Amino acid sequence: MSEADDALRGHLMEYGYVFPRRITHVETLVAEVEDLKSLLPDSVRVILKLLVDTSHRIGGADRRIGC
């Protein structure tokens, strides 16, 4: 998990969404942020979307450099 993934997990915890800390759960975190039916306030969703985008960029860079 990247720091962005950890931050996303931590912020979701503040709203009652608790996920294990493993890379296999990152897509579940992302799905929660992108789910318009979740109980996250829209203002929070916008901020968390920035973390999701950062996480995707980090993951893409890791794959390009072979991490």
PDB file of N, CA and C in Angstrom:
ATOM      1  N   MET A   1       0.845  -1.186   0.000  1.00  0.00           N
ATOM      2  CA  MET A   1       0.000   0.000   0.000  1.00  0.00           C
ATOM      3  C   MET A   1       0.882   1.237   0.000  1.00  0.00           C
ATOM      4  N   SER A   2       0.450   2.247  -0.706  1.00  0.00           N
ATOM      5  CA  SER A   2       1.176   3.508  -0.709  1.00  0.00           C
ATOM      6  C   SER A   2       0.681   4.383   0.438  1.00  0.00           C
ATOM      7  N   GLU A   3       1.374   5.476   0.653  1.00  0.00           N
ATOM      8  CA  GLU A   3       0.929   6.423   1.677  1.00  0.00           C
ATOM      9  C   GLU A   3      -0.442   6.983   1.329  1.00  0.00           C
ATOM     10  N   ALA A   4      -0.719   7.165   0.040  1.00  0.00           N
ATOM     11  CA  ALA A   4      -2.033   7.655  -0.377  1.00  0.00           C
ATOM     12  C   ALA A   4      -3.112   6.636  -0.011  1.00  0.00           C
ATOM     13  N   ASP A   5      -2.809   5.359  -0.182  1.00  0.00           N
ATOM     14  CA  ASP A   5      -3.776   4.315   0.176  1.00  0.00           C
ATOM     15  C   ASP A   5      -4.020   4.314   1.684  1.00  0.00           C
ATOM     16  N   ASP A   6      -2.951   4.460   2.460  1.00  0.00           N
ATOM     17  CA  ASP A   6      -3.092   4.516   3.916  1.00  0.00           C
ATOM     18  C   ASP A   6      -3.918   5.728   4.337  1.00  0.00           C
ATOM     19  N   ALA A   7      -3.674   6.857   3.689  1.00  0.00           N
ATOM     20  CA  ALA A   7      -4.431   8.072   4.007  1.00  0.00           C
ATOM     21  C   ALA A   7      -5.902   7.876   3.680  1.00  0.00           C
ATOM     22  N   LEU A   8      -6.179   7.290   2.532  1.00  0.00           N
ATOM     23  CA  LEU A   8      -7.558   7.021   2.130  1.00  0.00           C
ATOM     24  C   LEU A   8      -8.236   6.117   3.149  1.00  0.00           C
ATOM     25  N   ARG A   9      -7.561   5.058   3.548  1.00  0.00           N
ATOM     26  CA  ARG A   9      -8.097   4.123   4.536  1.00  0.00           C
ATOM     27  C   ARG A   9      -8.382   4.847   5.848  1.00  0.00           C
ATOM     28  N   GLY A  10      -7.456   5.682   6.285  1.00  0.00           N
ATOM     29  CA  GLY A  10      -7.622   6.416   7.535  1.00  0.00           C
ATOM     30  C   GLY A  10      -8.790   7.386   7.492  1.00  0.00           C
ATOM     31  N   HIS A  11      -8.936   8.101   6.399  1.00  0.00           N
ATOM     32  CA  HIS A  11     -10.035   9.058   6.290  1.00  0.00           C
ATOM     33  C   HIS A  11     -11.381   8.343   6.228  1.00  0.00           C
ATOM     34  N   LEU A  12     -11.437   7.230   5.522  1.00  0.00           N
ATOM     35  CA  LEU A  12     -12.691   6.474   5.472  1.00  0.00           C
ATOM     36  C   LEU A  12     -13.055   5.947   6.855  1.00  0.00           C
ATOM     37  N   MET A  13     -12.043   5.600   7.658  1.00  0.00           N
ATOM     38  CA  MET A  13     -12.304   5.123   9.014  1.00  0.00           C
ATOM     39  C   MET A  13     -13.037   6.180   9.841  1.00  0.00           C
ATOM     40  N   GLU A  14     -12.725   7.451   9.596  1.00  0.00           N
ATOM     41  CA  GLU A  14     -13.378   8.542  10.315  1.00  0.00           C
ATOM     42  C   GLU A  14     -14.884   8.564  10.054  1.00  0.00           C
ATOM     43  N   TYR A  15     -15.300   7.986   8.953  1.00  0.00           N
ATOM     44  CA  TYR A  15     -16.715   7.953   8.600  1.00  0.00           C
ATOM     45  C   TYR A  15     -17.330   6.569   8.800  1.00  0.00           C
ATOM     46  N   GLY A  16     -16.626   5.707   9.516  1.00  0.00           N
ATOM     47  CA  GLY A  16     -17.166   4.404   9.870  1.00  0.00           C
ATOM     48  C   GLY A  16     -16.876   3.289   8.889  1.00  0.00           C
ATOM     49  N   TYR A  17     -16.064   3.533   7.876  1.00  0.00           N
ATOM     50  CA  TYR A  17     -15.707   2.510   6.911  1.00  0.00           C
ATOM     51  C   TYR A  17     -14.337   1.951   7.297  1.00  0.00           C
ATOM     52  N   VAL A  18     -14.319   0.715   7.762  1.00  0.00           N
ATOM     53  CA  VAL A  18     -13.068   0.118   8.237  1.00  0.00           C
ATOM     54  C   VAL A  18     -12.663  -1.007   7.296  1.00  0.00           C
ATOM     55  N   PHE A  19     -11.410  -0.944   6.821  1.00  0.00           N
ATOM     56  CA  PHE A  19     -10.877  -1.931   5.899  1.00  0.00           C
ATOM     57  C   PHE A  19      -9.535  -2.424   6.416  1.00  0.00           C
ATOM     58  N   PRO A  20      -9.230  -3.700   6.208  1.00  0.00           N
ATOM     59  CA  PRO A  20      -7.909  -4.212   6.582  1.00  0.00           C
ATOM     60  C   PRO A  20      -6.814  -3.493   5.799  1.00  0.00           C
ATOM     61  N   ARG A  21      -5.625  -3.475   6.374  1.00  0.00           N
ATOM     62  CA  ARG A  21      -4.502  -2.776   5.747  1.00  0.00           C
ATOM     63  C   ARG A  21      -3.714  -3.746   4.868  1.00  0.00           C
ATOM     64  N   ARG A  22      -4.190  -3.971   3.681  1.00  0.00           N
ATOM     65  CA  ARG A  22      -3.486  -4.806   2.704  1.00  0.00           C
ATOM     66  C   ARG A  22      -3.801  -4.312   1.314  1.00  0.00           C
ATOM     67  N   ILE A  23      -2.884  -4.535   0.426  1.00  0.00           N
ATOM     68  CA  ILE A  23      -3.025  -4.064  -0.948  1.00  0.00           C
ATOM     69  C   ILE A  23      -4.268  -4.647  -1.623  1.00  0.00           C
ATOM     70  N   THR A  24      -4.718  -5.816  -1.194  1.00  0.00           N
ATOM     71  CA  THR A  24      -5.875  -6.439  -1.829  1.00  0.00           C
ATOM     72  C   THR A  24      -7.167  -5.671  -1.579  1.00  0.00           C
ATOM     73  N   HIS A  25      -7.149  -4.754  -0.626  1.00  0.00           N
ATOM     74  CA  HIS A  25      -8.366  -4.019  -0.284  1.00  0.00           C
ATOM     75  C   HIS A  25      -8.411  -2.618  -0.890  1.00  0.00           C
ATOM     76  N   VAL A  26      -7.398  -2.237  -1.633  1.00  0.00           N
ATOM     77  CA  VAL A  26      -7.355  -0.892  -2.200  1.00  0.00           C
ATOM     78  C   VAL A  26      -8.536  -0.661  -3.129  1.00  0.00           C
ATOM     79  N   GLU A  27      -8.853  -1.604  -3.979  1.00  0.00           N
ATOM     80  CA  GLU A  27      -9.975  -1.427  -4.905  1.00  0.00           C
ATOM     81  C   GLU A  27     -11.302  -1.297  -4.156  1.00  0.00           C
ATOM     82  N   THR A  28     -11.422  -1.950  -3.006  1.00  0.00           N
ATOM     83  CA  THR A  28     -12.628  -1.807  -2.190  1.00  0.00           C
ATOM     84  C   THR A  28     -12.724  -0.385  -1.648  1.00  0.00           C
ATOM     85  N   LEU A  29     -11.585   0.170  -1.229  1.00  0.00           N
ATOM     86  CA  LEU A  29     -11.555   1.552  -0.753  1.00  0.00           C
ATOM     87  C   LEU A  29     -11.981   2.507  -1.862  1.00  0.00           C
ATOM     88  N   VAL A  30     -11.414   2.296  -3.037  1.00  0.00           N
ATOM     89  CA  VAL A  30     -11.721   3.150  -4.188  1.00  0.00           C
ATOM     90  C   VAL A  30     -13.202   3.046  -4.537  1.00  0.00           C
ATOM     91  N   ALA A  31     -13.731   1.854  -4.531  1.00  0.00           N
ATOM     92  CA  ALA A  31     -15.148   1.648  -4.865  1.00  0.00           C
ATOM     93  C   ALA A  31     -16.048   2.399  -3.893  1.00  0.00           C
ATOM     94  N   GLU A  32     -15.684   2.422  -2.626  1.00  0.00           N
ATOM     95  CA  GLU A  32     -16.486   3.124  -1.628  1.00  0.00           C
ATOM     96  C   GLU A  32     -16.511   4.626  -1.900  1.00  0.00           C
ATOM     97  N   VAL A  33     -15.373   5.169  -2.253  1.00  0.00           N
ATOM     98  CA  VAL A  33     -15.296   6.604  -2.553  1.00  0.00           C
ATOM     99  C   VAL A  33     -16.109   6.928  -3.807  1.00  0.00           C
ATOM    100  N   GLU A  34     -16.055   6.066  -4.791  1.00  0.00           N
ATOM    101  CA  GLU A  34     -16.727   6.327  -6.062  1.00  0.00           C
ATOM    102  C   GLU A  34     -18.213   5.967  -6.057  1.00  0.00           C
ATOM    103  N   ASP A  35     -18.657   5.255  -5.029  1.00  0.00           N
ATOM    104  CA  ASP A  35     -20.062   4.855  -4.924  1.00  0.00           C
ATOM    105  C   ASP A  35     -20.908   6.045  -4.472  1.00  0.00           C
ATOM    106  N   LEU A  36     -21.703   6.574  -5.359  1.00  0.00           N
ATOM    107  CA  LEU A  36     -22.523   7.738  -5.038  1.00  0.00           C
ATOM    108  C   LEU A  36     -23.625   7.419  -4.026  1.00  0.00           C
ATOM    109  N   LYS A  37     -23.869   6.138  -3.758  1.00  0.00           N
ATOM    110  CA  LYS A  37     -24.877   5.737  -2.779  1.00  0.00           C
ATOM    111  C   LYS A  37     -24.289   5.586  -1.372  1.00  0.00           C
ATOM    112  N   SER A  38     -22.945   5.675  -1.249  1.00  0.00           N
ATOM    113  CA  SER A  38     -22.345   5.563   0.083  1.00  0.00           C
ATOM    114  C   SER A  38     -22.734   6.793   0.904  1.00  0.00           C
ATOM    115  N   LEU A  39     -22.553   6.707   2.183  1.00  0.00           N
ATOM    116  CA  LEU A  39     -22.961   7.780   3.073  1.00  0.00           C
ATOM    117  C   LEU A  39     -21.912   8.880   3.226  1.00  0.00           C
ATOM    118  N   LEU A  40     -20.870   8.839   2.427  1.00  0.00           N
ATOM    119  CA  LEU A  40     -19.847   9.877   2.511  1.00  0.00           C
ATOM    120  C   LEU A  40     -20.404  11.212   2.021  1.00  0.00           C
ATOM    121  N   PRO A  41     -20.143  12.282   2.774  1.00  0.00           N
ATOM    122  CA  PRO A  41     -20.568  13.599   2.292  1.00  0.00           C
ATOM    123  C   PRO A  41     -19.847  13.937   0.979  1.00  0.00           C
ATOM    124  N   ASP A  42     -20.521  14.664   0.112  1.00  0.00           N
ATOM    125  CA  ASP A  42     -19.928  15.015  -1.177  1.00  0.00           C
ATOM    126  C   ASP A  42     -18.620  15.775  -1.019  1.00  0.00           C
ATOM    127  N   SER A  43     -18.543  16.648  -0.021  1.00  0.00           N
ATOM    128  CA  SER A  43     -17.313  17.414   0.197  1.00  0.00           C
ATOM    129  C   SER A  43     -16.143  16.491   0.538  1.00  0.00           C
ATOM    130  N   VAL A  44     -16.418  15.447   1.286  1.00  0.00           N
ATOM    131  CA  VAL A  44     -15.381  14.477   1.642  1.00  0.00           C
ATOM    132  C   VAL A  44     -15.022  13.632   0.427  1.00  0.00           C
ATOM    133  N   ARG A  45     -16.019  13.253  -0.331  1.00  0.00           N
ATOM    134  CA  ARG A  45     -15.793  12.430  -1.523  1.00  0.00           C
ATOM    135  C   ARG A  45     -14.840  13.128  -2.492  1.00  0.00           C
ATOM    136  N   VAL A  46     -14.980  14.437  -2.651  1.00  0.00           N
ATOM    137  CA  VAL A  46     -14.112  15.194  -3.557  1.00  0.00           C
ATOM    138  C   VAL A  46     -12.661  15.107  -3.088  1.00  0.00           C
ATOM    139  N   ILE A  47     -12.435  15.293  -1.794  1.00  0.00           N
ATOM    140  CA  ILE A  47     -11.078  15.230  -1.246  1.00  0.00           C
ATOM    141  C   ILE A  47     -10.520  13.824  -1.372  1.00  0.00           C
ATOM    142  N   LEU A  48     -11.317  12.816  -1.024  1.00  0.00           N
ATOM    143  CA  LEU A  48     -10.840  11.439  -1.092  1.00  0.00           C
ATOM    144  C   LEU A  48     -10.569  11.021  -2.531  1.00  0.00           C
ATOM    145  N   LYS A  49     -11.304  11.596  -3.471  1.00  0.00           N
ATOM    146  CA  LYS A  49     -11.053  11.290  -4.885  1.00  0.00           C
ATOM    147  C   LYS A  49      -9.639  11.729  -5.274  1.00  0.00           C
ATOM    148  N   LEU A  50      -9.142  12.814  -4.687  1.00  0.00           N
ATOM    149  CA  LEU A  50      -7.761  13.238  -4.938  1.00  0.00           C
ATOM    150  C   LEU A  50      -6.781  12.167  -4.467  1.00  0.00           C
ATOM    151  N   LEU A  51      -7.069  11.550  -3.309  1.00  0.00           N
ATOM    152  CA  LEU A  51      -6.207  10.474  -2.812  1.00  0.00           C
ATOM    153  C   LEU A  51      -6.283   9.251  -3.725  1.00  0.00           C
ATOM    154  N   VAL A  52      -7.472   8.948  -4.229  1.00  0.00           N
ATOM    155  CA  VAL A  52      -7.637   7.821  -5.151  1.00  0.00           C
ATOM    156  C   VAL A  52      -6.804   8.075  -6.405  1.00  0.00           C
ATOM    157  N   ASP A  53      -6.907   9.274  -6.946  1.00  0.00           N
ATOM    158  CA  ASP A  53      -6.145   9.609  -8.158  1.00  0.00           C
ATOM    159  C   ASP A  53      -4.643   9.523  -7.892  1.00  0.00           C
ATOM    160  N   THR A  54      -4.209   9.997  -6.726  1.00  0.00           N
ATOM    161  CA  THR A  54      -2.793   9.914  -6.355  1.00  0.00           C
ATOM    162  C   THR A  54      -2.353   8.467  -6.246  1.00  0.00           C
ATOM    163  N   SER A  55      -3.175   7.645  -5.630  1.00  0.00           N
ATOM    164  CA  SER A  55      -2.866   6.221  -5.487  1.00  0.00           C
ATOM    165  C   SER A  55      -2.698   5.563  -6.852  1.00  0.00           C
ATOM    166  N   HIS A  56      -3.585   5.891  -7.786  1.00  0.00           N
ATOM    167  CA  HIS A  56      -3.495   5.314  -9.131  1.00  0.00           C
ATOM    168  C   HIS A  56      -2.220   5.767  -9.842  1.00  0.00           C
ATOM    169  N   ARG A  57      -1.868   7.042  -9.675  1.00  0.00           N
ATOM    170  CA  ARG A  57      -0.651   7.541 -10.302  1.00  0.00           C
ATOM    171  C   ARG A  57       0.595   6.854  -9.709  1.00  0.00           C
ATOM    172  N   ILE A  58       0.609   6.670  -8.393  1.00  0.00           N
ATOM    173  CA  ILE A  58       1.736   5.997  -7.735  1.00  0.00           C
ATOM    174  C   ILE A  58       1.838   4.559  -8.225  1.00  0.00           C
ATOM    175  N   GLY A  59       0.683   3.880  -8.299  1.00  0.00           N
ATOM    176  CA  GLY A  59       0.681   2.500  -8.776  1.00  0.00           C
ATOM    177  C   GLY A  59       1.183   2.392 -10.205  1.00  0.00           C
ATOM    178  N   GLY A  60       0.777   3.335 -11.047  1.00  0.00           N
ATOM    179  CA  GLY A  60       1.251   3.333 -12.436  1.00  0.00           C
ATOM    180  C   GLY A  60       2.746   3.560 -12.520  1.00  0.00           C
ATOM    181  N   ALA A  61       3.245   4.484 -11.706  1.00  0.00           N
ATOM    182  CA  ALA A  61       4.690   4.754 -11.699  1.00  0.00           C
ATOM    183  C   ALA A  61       5.458   3.542 -11.182  1.00  0.00           C
ATOM    184  N   ASP A  62       4.929   2.899 -10.145  1.00  0.00           N
ATOM    185  CA  ASP A  62       5.590   1.687  -9.613  1.00  0.00           C
ATOM    186  C   ASP A  62       5.701   0.607 -10.680  1.00  0.00           C
ATOM    187  N   ARG A  63       4.642   0.423 -11.457  1.00  0.00           N
ATOM    188  CA  ARG A  63       4.679  -0.601 -12.505  1.00  0.00           C
ATOM    189  C   ARG A  63       5.674  -0.239 -13.593  1.00  0.00           C
ATOM    190  N   ARG A  64       5.752   1.046 -13.925  1.00  0.00           N
ATOM    191  CA  ARG A  64       6.676   1.474 -14.988  1.00  0.00           C
ATOM    192  C   ARG A  64       8.128   1.283 -14.580  1.00  0.00           C
ATOM    193  N   ILE A  65       8.447   1.466 -13.296  1.00  0.00           N
ATOM    194  CA  ILE A  65       9.836   1.331 -12.871  1.00  0.00           C
ATOM    195  C   ILE A  65      10.142  -0.067 -12.315  1.00  0.00           C
ATOM    196  N   GLY A  66       9.110  -0.916 -12.293  1.00  0.00           N
ATOM    197  CA  GLY A  66       9.328  -2.309 -11.911  1.00  0.00           C
ATOM    198  C   GLY A  66       9.322  -2.596 -10.419  1.00  0.00           C
ATOM    199  N   CYS A  67       8.582  -1.809  -9.651  1.00  0.00           N
ATOM    200  CA  CYS A  67       8.491  -2.053  -8.201  1.00  0.00           C
ATOM    201  C   CYS A  67       7.458  -3.120  -7.899  1.00  0.00           C
TER     202      CYS A  67
END
